[in-house]
PDB file of N, CA and C in Angstrom:
ATOM      1  N   MET A   1     123.565-142.127 112.304  1.00  0.00           N
ATOM      2  CA  MET A   1     122.697-141.604 112.062  1.00  0.00           C
ATOM      3  C   MET A   1     121.646-141.963 110.987  1.00  0.00           C
ATOM      4  N   LEU A   2     120.535-143.070 111.172  1.00  0.00           N
ATOM      5  CA  LEU A   2     119.321-143.267 110.038  1.00  0.00           C
ATOM      6  C   LEU A   2     119.602-142.769 108.433  1.00  0.00           C
ATOM      7  N   GLU A   3     119.786-143.534 108.250  1.00  0.00           N
ATOM      8  CA  GLU A   3     118.972-142.509 106.539  1.00  0.00           C
ATOM      9  C   GLU A   3     117.490-142.385 106.107  1.00  0.00           C
ATOM     10  N   GLN A   4     117.421-141.027 105.731  1.00  0.00           N
ATOM     11  CA  GLN A   4     115.472-140.602 105.893  1.00  0.00           C
ATOM     12  C   GLN A   4     115.221-142.140 105.389  1.00  0.00           C
ATOM     13  N   GLN A   5     114.143-142.267 104.983  1.00  0.00           N
ATOM     14  CA  GLN A   5     113.465-142.764 103.809  1.00  0.00           C
ATOM     15  C   GLN A   5     112.769-142.369 103.112  1.00  0.00           C
ATOM     16  N   LYS A   6     113.217-141.973 101.221  1.00  0.00           N
ATOM     17  CA  LYS A   6     112.443-141.726 100.596  1.00  0.00           C
ATOM     18  C   LYS A   6     111.231-141.496 100.482  1.00  0.00           C
ATOM     19  N   ILE A   7     110.093-141.066 100.567  1.00  0.00           N
ATOM     20  CA  ILE A   7     109.015-141.171 100.508  1.00  0.00           C
ATOM     21  C   ILE A   7     107.806-141.139  99.092  1.00  0.00           C
ATOM     22  N   ARG A   8     107.298-141.816  99.036  1.00  0.00           N
ATOM     23  CA  ARG A   8     106.964-142.912  96.934  1.00  0.00           C
ATOM     24  C   ARG A   8     105.829-142.500  96.859  1.00  0.00           C
ATOM     25  N   PRO A   9     105.497-142.079  95.527  1.00  0.00           N
ATOM     26  CA  PRO A   9     103.751-141.704  96.119  1.00  0.00           C
ATOM     27  C   PRO A   9     102.893-142.144  94.861  1.00  0.00           C
ATOM     28  N   ALA A  10     101.711-141.983  96.023  1.00  0.00           N
ATOM     29  CA  ALA A  10     100.913-142.969  95.466  1.00  0.00           C
ATOM     30  C   ALA A  10     100.532-143.256  94.106  1.00  0.00           C
ATOM     31  N   SER A  11     100.795-142.223  93.026  1.00  0.00           N
ATOM     32  CA  SER A  11     100.536-141.881  92.020  1.00  0.00           C
ATOM     33  C   SER A  11     101.835-142.123  90.874  1.00  0.00           C
ATOM     34  N   ILE A  12     101.237-141.892  89.252  1.00  0.00           N
ATOM     35  CA  ILE A  12     101.937-141.115  88.739  1.00  0.00           C
ATOM     36  C   ILE A  12     101.346-140.770  87.992  1.00  0.00           C
ATOM     37  N   VAL A  13     101.845-139.604  87.046  1.00  0.00           N
ATOM     38  CA  VAL A  13     100.965-140.471  84.763  1.00  0.00           C
ATOM     39  C   VAL A  13     102.036-140.681  84.553  1.00  0.00           C
ATOM     40  N   GLY A  14     101.700-141.817  83.411  1.00  0.00           N
ATOM     41  CA  GLY A  14     101.815-142.735  82.223  1.00  0.00           C
ATOM     42  C   GLY A  14     102.401-142.537  81.139  1.00  0.00           C
ATOM     43  N   PRO A  15     102.678-142.545  80.633  1.00  0.00           N
ATOM     44  CA  PRO A  15     103.514-143.106  79.462  1.00  0.00           C
ATOM     45  C   PRO A  15     101.997-142.364  78.336  1.00  0.00           C
ATOM     46  N   THR A  16     101.131-142.318  78.697  1.00  0.00           N
ATOM     47  CA  THR A  16      99.798-141.828  78.006  1.00  0.00           C
ATOM     48  C   THR A  16      98.666-141.535  78.233  1.00  0.00           C
ATOM     49  N   GLY A  17      99.290-140.575  79.613  1.00  0.00           N
ATOM     50  CA  GLY A  17      99.095-140.151  80.351  1.00  0.00           C
ATOM     51  C   GLY A  17      98.233-139.652  81.185  1.00  0.00           C
ATOM     52  N   SER A  18      97.439-141.098  81.920  1.00  0.00           N
ATOM     53  CA  SER A  18      97.055-141.653  82.071  1.00  0.00           C
ATOM     54  C   SER A  18      97.794-141.462  84.006  1.00  0.00           C
ATOM     55  N   ILE A  19      96.602-141.718  85.452  1.00  0.00           N
ATOM     56  CA  ILE A  19      97.058-142.178  86.417  1.00  0.00           C
ATOM     57  C   ILE A  19      97.257-143.175  86.648  1.00  0.00           C
ATOM     58  N   MET A  20      98.391-143.961  86.698  1.00  0.00           N
ATOM     59  CA  MET A  20      99.437-145.236  87.568  1.00  0.00           C
ATOM     60  C   MET A  20      99.294-145.525  88.574  1.00  0.00           C
ATOM     61  N   THR A  21      99.045-146.319  88.759  1.00  0.00           N
ATOM     62  CA  THR A  21      99.834-146.532  90.485  1.00  0.00           C
ATOM     63  C   THR A  21     100.340-148.041  90.705  1.00  0.00           C
ATOM     64  N   LEU A  22     100.335-148.567  91.276  1.00  0.00           N
ATOM     65  CA  LEU A  22     101.050-149.941  90.815  1.00  0.00           C
ATOM     66  C   LEU A  22     100.432-150.800  90.796  1.00  0.00           C
ATOM     67  N   ARG A  23      98.723-150.739  91.066  1.00  0.00           N
ATOM     68  CA  ARG A  23      98.219-151.716  90.570  1.00  0.00           C
ATOM     69  C   ARG A  23      97.882-151.613  89.138  1.00  0.00           C
ATOM     70  N   ASP A  24      98.212-150.725  88.126  1.00  0.00           N
ATOM     71  CA  ASP A  24      98.757-150.671  86.840  1.00  0.00           C
ATOM     72  C   ASP A  24      99.494-151.337  85.973  1.00  0.00           C
ATOM     73  N   LEU A  25     100.589-151.747  87.167  1.00  0.00           N
ATOM     74  CA  LEU A  25     102.554-151.760  86.447  1.00  0.00           C
ATOM     75  C   LEU A  25     102.106-153.115  85.395  1.00  0.00           C
ATOM     76  N   PRO A  26     102.298-153.601  84.438  1.00  0.00           N
ATOM     77  CA  PRO A  26     102.624-155.050  84.625  1.00  0.00           C
ATOM     78  C   PRO A  26     102.176-155.902  84.651  1.00  0.00           C
ATOM     79  N   LYS A  27     101.712-157.181  84.616  1.00  0.00           N
ATOM     80  CA  LYS A  27     102.356-158.407  85.805  1.00  0.00           C
ATOM     81  C   LYS A  27     103.344-158.478  85.874  1.00  0.00           C
ATOM     82  N   ARG A  28     103.925-159.351  87.229  1.00  0.00           N
ATOM     83  CA  ARG A  28     105.426-159.760  86.961  1.00  0.00           C
ATOM     84  C   ARG A  28     105.719-161.513  86.338  1.00  0.00           C
ATOM     85  N   ASN A  29     104.957-161.708  85.488  1.00  0.00           N
ATOM     86  CA  ASN A  29     105.458-162.844  84.987  1.00  0.00           C
ATOM     87  C   ASN A  29     104.902-162.065  83.525  1.00  0.00           C
ATOM     88  N   THR A  30     104.226-160.845  82.796  1.00  0.00           N
ATOM     89  CA  THR A  30     104.590-161.287  81.613  1.00  0.00           C
ATOM     90  C   THR A  30     105.451-161.182  80.484  1.00  0.00           C
ATOM     91  N   ARG A  31     105.579-161.507  79.606  1.00  0.00           N
ATOM     92  CA  ARG A  31     106.411-162.951  79.287  1.00  0.00           C
ATOM     93  C   ARG A  31     106.953-161.452  77.342  1.00  0.00           C
ATOM     94  N   ARG A  32     105.343-160.580  76.889  1.00  0.00           N
ATOM     95  CA  ARG A  32     105.377-160.559  75.901  1.00  0.00           C
ATOM     96  C   ARG A  32     105.003-158.962  75.880  1.00  0.00           C
ATOM     97  N   TRP A  33     106.426-157.821  75.789  1.00  0.00           N
ATOM     98  CA  TRP A  33     106.416-157.320  76.183  1.00  0.00           C
ATOM     99  C   TRP A  33     106.385-156.180  75.085  1.00  0.00           C
ATOM    100  N   VAL A  34     105.066-155.389  75.311  1.00  0.00           N
ATOM    101  CA  VAL A  34     104.505-154.824  74.019  1.00  0.00           C
ATOM    102  C   VAL A  34     105.655-152.944  73.938  1.00  0.00           C
ATOM    103  N   SER A  35     105.620-151.774  74.043  1.00  0.00           N
ATOM    104  CA  SER A  35     106.283-150.895  73.914  1.00  0.00           C
ATOM    105  C   SER A  35     105.299-149.894  75.062  1.00  0.00           C
ATOM    106  N   ARG A  36     104.217-150.378  75.202  1.00  0.00           N
ATOM    107  CA  ARG A  36     102.997-149.676  76.363  1.00  0.00           C
ATOM    108  C   ARG A  36     103.715-150.254  77.930  1.00  0.00           C
ATOM    109  N   ARG A  37     104.096-151.091  77.610  1.00  0.00           N
ATOM    110  CA  ARG A  37     104.357-152.673  78.848  1.00  0.00           C
ATOM    111  C   ARG A  37     105.482-151.271  79.217  1.00  0.00           C
ATOM    112  N   LYS A  38     106.615-152.014  78.516  1.00  0.00           N
ATOM    113  CA  LYS A  38     108.016-151.216  78.300  1.00  0.00           C
ATOM    114  C   LYS A  38     107.705-149.789  79.205  1.00  0.00           C
ATOM    115  N   ALA A  39     107.178-149.164  78.453  1.00  0.00           N
ATOM    116  CA  ALA A  39     107.328-147.506  78.783  1.00  0.00           C
ATOM    117  C   ALA A  39     106.607-147.251  80.408  1.00  0.00           C
ATOM    118  N   GLU A  40     105.189-148.407  80.665  1.00  0.00           N
ATOM    119  CA  GLU A  40     104.540-147.944  82.250  1.00  0.00           C
ATOM    120  C   GLU A  40     106.418-148.898  82.857  1.00  0.00           C
ATOM    121  N   VAL A  41     106.535-149.705  83.101  1.00  0.00           N
ATOM    122  CA  VAL A  41     108.026-149.660  83.560  1.00  0.00           C
ATOM    123  C   VAL A  41     108.566-148.358  83.755  1.00  0.00           C
ATOM    124  N   VAL A  42     109.687-148.022  82.956  1.00  0.00           N
ATOM    125  CA  VAL A  42     110.185-146.696  82.637  1.00  0.00           C
ATOM    126  C   VAL A  42     109.977-145.770  83.597  1.00  0.00           C
ATOM    127  N   ALA A  43     108.473-145.064  83.406  1.00  0.00           N
ATOM    128  CA  ALA A  43     107.507-144.468  83.504  1.00  0.00           C
ATOM    129  C   ALA A  43     107.838-144.302  85.190  1.00  0.00           C
ATOM    130  N   ALA A  44     107.820-146.459  85.563  1.00  0.00           N
ATOM    131  CA  ALA A  44     107.049-146.083  87.209  1.00  0.00           C
ATOM    132  C   ALA A  44     108.387-146.093  88.133  1.00  0.00           C
ATOM    133  N   VAL A  45     109.490-146.041  87.733  1.00  0.00           N
ATOM    134  CA  VAL A  45     110.683-146.202  87.769  1.00  0.00           C
ATOM    135  C   VAL A  45     111.224-144.944  88.062  1.00  0.00           C
ATOM    136  N   GLU A  46     111.612-143.467  87.164  1.00  0.00           N
ATOM    137  CA  GLU A  46     111.531-142.556  86.967  1.00  0.00           C
ATOM    138  C   GLU A  46     110.389-141.461  88.638  1.00  0.00           C
ATOM    139  N   GLY A  47     109.138-141.745  87.929  1.00  0.00           N
ATOM    140  CA  GLY A  47     108.188-141.068  88.796  1.00  0.00           C
ATOM    141  C   GLY A  47     108.527-141.671  90.329  1.00  0.00           C
ATOM    142  N   GLY A  48     109.777-142.861  90.316  1.00  0.00           N
ATOM    143  CA  GLY A  48     109.040-143.207  91.959  1.00  0.00           C
ATOM    144  C   GLY A  48     108.622-144.054  92.188  1.00  0.00           C
ATOM    145  N   LEU A  49     107.831-144.291  91.735  1.00  0.00           N
ATOM    146  CA  LEU A  49     106.235-146.090  91.745  1.00  0.00           C
ATOM    147  C   LEU A  49     107.114-147.854  92.834  1.00  0.00           C
ATOM    148  N   ILE A  50     108.387-147.120  91.819  1.00  0.00           N
ATOM    149  CA  ILE A  50     109.435-148.250  92.019  1.00  0.00           C
ATOM    150  C   ILE A  50     110.492-148.126  91.649  1.00  0.00           C
ATOM    151  N   THR A  51     111.790-148.635  92.585  1.00  0.00           N
ATOM    152  CA  THR A  51     113.245-148.752  92.196  1.00  0.00           C
ATOM    153  C   THR A  51     113.943-149.123  91.373  1.00  0.00           C
ATOM    154  N   ILE A  52     114.799-149.142  90.573  1.00  0.00           N
ATOM    155  CA  ILE A  52     115.088-149.265  88.735  1.00  0.00           C
ATOM    156  C   ILE A  52     115.746-151.187  89.643  1.00  0.00           C
ATOM    157  N   ASP A  53     115.830-150.494  90.821  1.00  0.00           N
ATOM    158  CA  ASP A  53     116.730-152.857  90.992  1.00  0.00           C
ATOM    159  C   ASP A  53     114.930-153.381  91.429  1.00  0.00           C
ATOM    160  N   GLU A  54     113.652-152.899  91.786  1.00  0.00           N
ATOM    161  CA  GLU A  54     112.483-154.044  91.998  1.00  0.00           C
ATOM    162  C   GLU A  54     111.940-154.118  90.499  1.00  0.00           C
ATOM    163  N   ALA A  55     112.467-152.600  89.911  1.00  0.00           N
ATOM    164  CA  ALA A  55     111.700-153.261  88.296  1.00  0.00           C
ATOM    165  C   ALA A  55     112.493-154.317  88.068  1.00  0.00           C
ATOM    166  N   CYS A  56     113.791-154.280  88.026  1.00  0.00           N
ATOM    167  CA  CYS A  56     113.784-156.047  87.894  1.00  0.00           C
ATOM    168  C   CYS A  56     114.220-156.550  88.215  1.00  0.00           C
ATOM    169  N   GLU A  57     113.662-156.836  89.654  1.00  0.00           N
ATOM    170  CA  GLU A  57     114.482-158.166  90.229  1.00  0.00           C
ATOM    171  C   GLU A  57     112.763-158.210  90.312  1.00  0.00           C
ATOM    172  N   ARG A  58     111.447-157.263  89.508  1.00  0.00           N
ATOM    173  CA  ARG A  58     110.104-158.015  90.019  1.00  0.00           C
ATOM    174  C   ARG A  58     109.633-158.562  87.761  1.00  0.00           C
ATOM    175  N   TYR A  59     110.617-158.200  87.360  1.00  0.00           N
ATOM    176  CA  TYR A  59     110.282-157.897  85.288  1.00  0.00           C
ATOM    177  C   TYR A  59     112.015-159.060  85.333  1.00  0.00           C
ATOM    178  N   ASN A  60     112.422-159.587  85.977  1.00  0.00           N
ATOM    179  CA  ASN A  60     114.080-160.205  85.308  1.00  0.00           C
ATOM    180  C   ASN A  60     114.698-159.999  84.292  1.00  0.00           C
ATOM    181  N   LEU A  61     114.502-158.235  84.450  1.00  0.00           N
ATOM    182  CA  LEU A  61     115.512-157.610  83.546  1.00  0.00           C
ATOM    183  C   LEU A  61     116.780-157.700  84.290  1.00  0.00           C
ATOM    184  N   SER A  62     117.835-157.117  83.369  1.00  0.00           N
ATOM    185  CA  SER A  62     118.764-156.615  83.547  1.00  0.00           C
ATOM    186  C   SER A  62     119.599-155.139  83.861  1.00  0.00           C
ATOM    187  N   ILE A  63     119.890-154.661  84.484  1.00  0.00           N
ATOM    188  CA  ILE A  63     120.501-153.190  84.428  1.00  0.00           C
ATOM    189  C   ILE A  63     119.753-153.228  83.355  1.00  0.00           C
ATOM    190  N   GLU A  64     120.917-153.545  81.719  1.00  0.00           N
ATOM    191  CA  GLU A  64     121.778-153.152  80.906  1.00  0.00           C
ATOM    192  C   GLU A  64     120.253-152.963  80.145  1.00  0.00           C
ATOM    193  N   GLU A  65     119.806-154.061  79.997  1.00  0.00           N
ATOM    194  CA  GLU A  65     117.993-154.029  79.251  1.00  0.00           C
ATOM    195  C   GLU A  65     117.010-152.870  79.417  1.00  0.00           C
ATOM    196  N   PHE A  66     116.858-153.129  81.234  1.00  0.00           N
ATOM    197  CA  PHE A  66     116.386-151.767  81.890  1.00  0.00           C
ATOM    198  C   PHE A  66     116.641-150.179  80.736  1.00  0.00           C
ATOM    199  N   ALA A  67     118.528-149.625  81.604  1.00  0.00           N
ATOM    200  CA  ALA A  67     119.205-148.903  80.617  1.00  0.00           C
ATOM    201  C   ALA A  67     118.732-148.984  79.333  1.00  0.00           C
ATOM    202  N   SER A  68     118.617-149.913  78.579  1.00  0.00           N
ATOM    203  CA  SER A  68     118.533-149.536  77.231  1.00  0.00           C
ATOM    204  C   SER A  68     117.537-149.220  76.759  1.00  0.00           C
ATOM    205  N   TRP A  69     116.540-149.494  78.081  1.00  0.00           N
ATOM    206  CA  TRP A  69     114.745-148.768  78.082  1.00  0.00           C
ATOM    207  C   TRP A  69     114.304-147.399  77.486  1.00  0.00           C
ATOM    208  N   GLN A  70     114.805-147.041  78.930  1.00  0.00           N
ATOM    209  CA  GLN A  70     114.847-146.117  79.395  1.00  0.00           C
ATOM    210  C   GLN A  70     115.566-144.947  78.519  1.00  0.00           C
ATOM    211  N   ARG A  71     116.527-145.349  78.147  1.00  0.00           N
ATOM    212  CA  ARG A  71     117.317-144.621  77.246  1.00  0.00           C
ATOM    213  C   ARG A  71     117.071-143.902  76.306  1.00  0.00           C
ATOM    214  N   ALA A  72     116.375-145.762  75.143  1.00  0.00           N
ATOM    215  CA  ALA A  72     114.661-145.752  73.956  1.00  0.00           C
ATOM    216  C   ALA A  72     113.937-144.380  74.688  1.00  0.00           C
ATOM    217  N   TYR A  73     113.651-144.711  75.399  1.00  0.00           N
ATOM    218  CA  TYR A  73     112.300-144.008  75.736  1.00  0.00           C
ATOM    219  C   TYR A  73     112.448-142.557  76.039  1.00  0.00           C
ATOM    220  N   ASP A  74     113.605-141.832  76.457  1.00  0.00           N
ATOM    221  CA  ASP A  74     114.249-140.696  77.254  1.00  0.00           C
ATOM    222  C   ASP A  74     114.363-140.140  75.857  1.00  0.00           C
ATOM    223  N   GLN A  75     114.387-140.431  74.599  1.00  0.00           N
ATOM    224  CA  GLN A  75     115.206-140.182  74.094  1.00  0.00           C
ATOM    225  C   GLN A  75     114.277-139.867  72.826  1.00  0.00           C
ATOM    226  N   LEU A  76     113.625-140.660  72.427  1.00  0.00           N
ATOM    227  CA  LEU A  76     112.639-140.644  71.457  1.00  0.00           C
ATOM    228  C   LEU A  76     111.190-141.923  71.248  1.00  0.00           C
ATOM    229  N   GLY A  77     110.832-141.532  72.626  1.00  0.00           N
ATOM    230  CA  GLY A  77     108.984-141.966  73.671  1.00  0.00           C
ATOM    231  C   GLY A  77     109.218-143.259  72.602  1.00  0.00           C
ATOM    232  N   MET A  78     107.794-143.742  73.163  1.00  0.00           N
ATOM    233  CA  MET A  78     106.986-144.980  73.240  1.00  0.00           C
ATOM    234  C   MET A  78     107.818-146.217  72.401  1.00  0.00           C
ATOM    235  N   PRO A  79     107.216-144.607  71.004  1.00  0.00           N
ATOM    236  CA  PRO A  79     108.168-146.167  69.658  1.00  0.00           C
ATOM    237  C   PRO A  79     109.230-146.262  69.259  1.00  0.00           C
ATOM    238  N   ALA A  80     110.206-146.140  70.042  1.00  0.00           N
ATOM    239  CA  ALA A  80     111.278-146.433  70.131  1.00  0.00           C
ATOM    240  C   ALA A  80     111.514-147.990  71.203  1.00  0.00           C
ATOM    241  N   LEU A  81     110.587-148.049  71.428  1.00  0.00           N
ATOM    242  CA  LEU A  81     110.458-149.485  72.106  1.00  0.00           C
ATOM    243  C   LEU A  81     109.545-150.199  71.801  1.00  0.00           C
ATOM    244  N   ARG A  82     108.957-150.080  70.313  1.00  0.00           N
ATOM    245  CA  ARG A  82     108.365-150.897  69.722  1.00  0.00           C
ATOM    246  C   ARG A  82     109.698-152.082  69.452  1.00  0.00           C
ATOM    247  N   ALA A  83     109.440-153.435  69.541  1.00  0.00           N
ATOM    248  CA  ALA A  83     110.422-154.342  69.251  1.00  0.00           C
ATOM    249  C   ALA A  83     111.212-155.123  67.235  1.00  0.00           C
ATOM    250  N   THR A  84     109.590-154.376  66.962  1.00  0.00           N
ATOM    251  CA  THR A  84     110.241-154.452  65.261  1.00  0.00           C
ATOM    252  C   THR A  84     110.956-152.851  64.969  1.00  0.00           C
ATOM    253  N   ARG A  85     111.199-152.626  65.541  1.00  0.00           N
ATOM    254  CA  ARG A  85     111.215-151.374  65.041  1.00  0.00           C
ATOM    255  C   ARG A  85     113.596-150.555  66.137  1.00  0.00           C
ATOM    256  N   VAL A  86     113.684-151.725  66.344  1.00  0.00           N
ATOM    257  CA  VAL A  86     114.829-152.415  67.048  1.00  0.00           C
ATOM    258  C   VAL A  86     116.320-150.495  66.523  1.00  0.00           C
ATOM    259  N   GLN A  87     116.120-151.676  64.883  1.00  0.00           N
ATOM    260  CA  GLN A  87     117.021-151.641  65.241  1.00  0.00           C
ATOM    261  C   GLN A  87     117.615-149.809  63.898  1.00  0.00           C
ATOM    262  N   TYR A  88     115.704-149.315  63.625  1.00  0.00           N
ATOM    263  CA  TYR A  88     116.042-148.158  63.144  1.00  0.00           C
ATOM    264  C   TYR A  88     116.291-147.510  63.916  1.00  0.00           C
ATOM    265  N   TYR A  89     116.138-147.436  65.365  1.00  0.00           N
ATOM    266  CA  TYR A  89     116.139-146.891  66.289  1.00  0.00           C
ATOM    267  C   TYR A  89     117.496-146.221  66.741  1.00  0.00           C
ATOM    268  N   ARG A  90     118.194-147.458  66.909  1.00  0.00           N
ATOM    269  CA  ARG A  90     119.399-148.209  66.976  1.00  0.00           C
ATOM    270  C   ARG A  90     120.113-147.079  66.651  1.00  0.00           C
ATOM    271  N   GLU A  91     119.757-146.921  64.517  1.00  0.00           N
ATOM    272  CA  GLU A  91     120.635-146.545  64.523  1.00  0.00           C
ATOM    273  C   GLU A  91     120.223-144.703  64.563  1.00  0.00           C
ATOM    274  N   LYS A  92     119.091-144.436  64.601  1.00  0.00           N
ATOM    275  CA  LYS A  92     118.591-143.102  65.320  1.00  0.00           C
ATOM    276  C   LYS A  92     119.281-142.403  66.804  1.00  0.00           C
ATOM    277  N   LEU A  93     119.489-143.156  68.045  1.00  0.00           N
ATOM    278  CA  LEU A  93     120.358-143.645  68.877  1.00  0.00           C
ATOM    279  C   LEU A  93     121.428-143.115  69.191  1.00  0.00           C
ATOM    280  N   SER A  94     122.570-143.768  67.789  1.00  0.00           N
ATOM    281  CA  SER A  94     123.946-143.568  67.756  1.00  0.00           C
ATOM    282  C   SER A  94     124.099-142.260  67.335  1.00  0.00           C
ATOM    283  N   HIS A  95     123.105-141.059  66.465  1.00  0.00           N
ATOM    284  CA  HIS A  95     123.926-140.072  65.524  1.00  0.00           C
ATOM    285  C   HIS A  95     123.788-138.762  66.733  1.00  0.00           C
TER     286      HIS A  95
END
């Protein structure tokens, strides 16, 4: 029996509240990962625009790196994804 293919949405509500499509995702060659871009990738995966495997391949991320973004975003929001605040938010997440 063939597995039924999941239908992907054409758009989702992004982390800033605006509508996001595949065209709105960060560029594949993104080198500067500001918190908004990380949150957009997390929202795209959670909203079904792309799979976690596609996100990791597209942005050359490990599953662990993506999972750390997702955990931080889900628990504390976009500010937790700021690189300058990583230690502060890691402490908050571990409590």
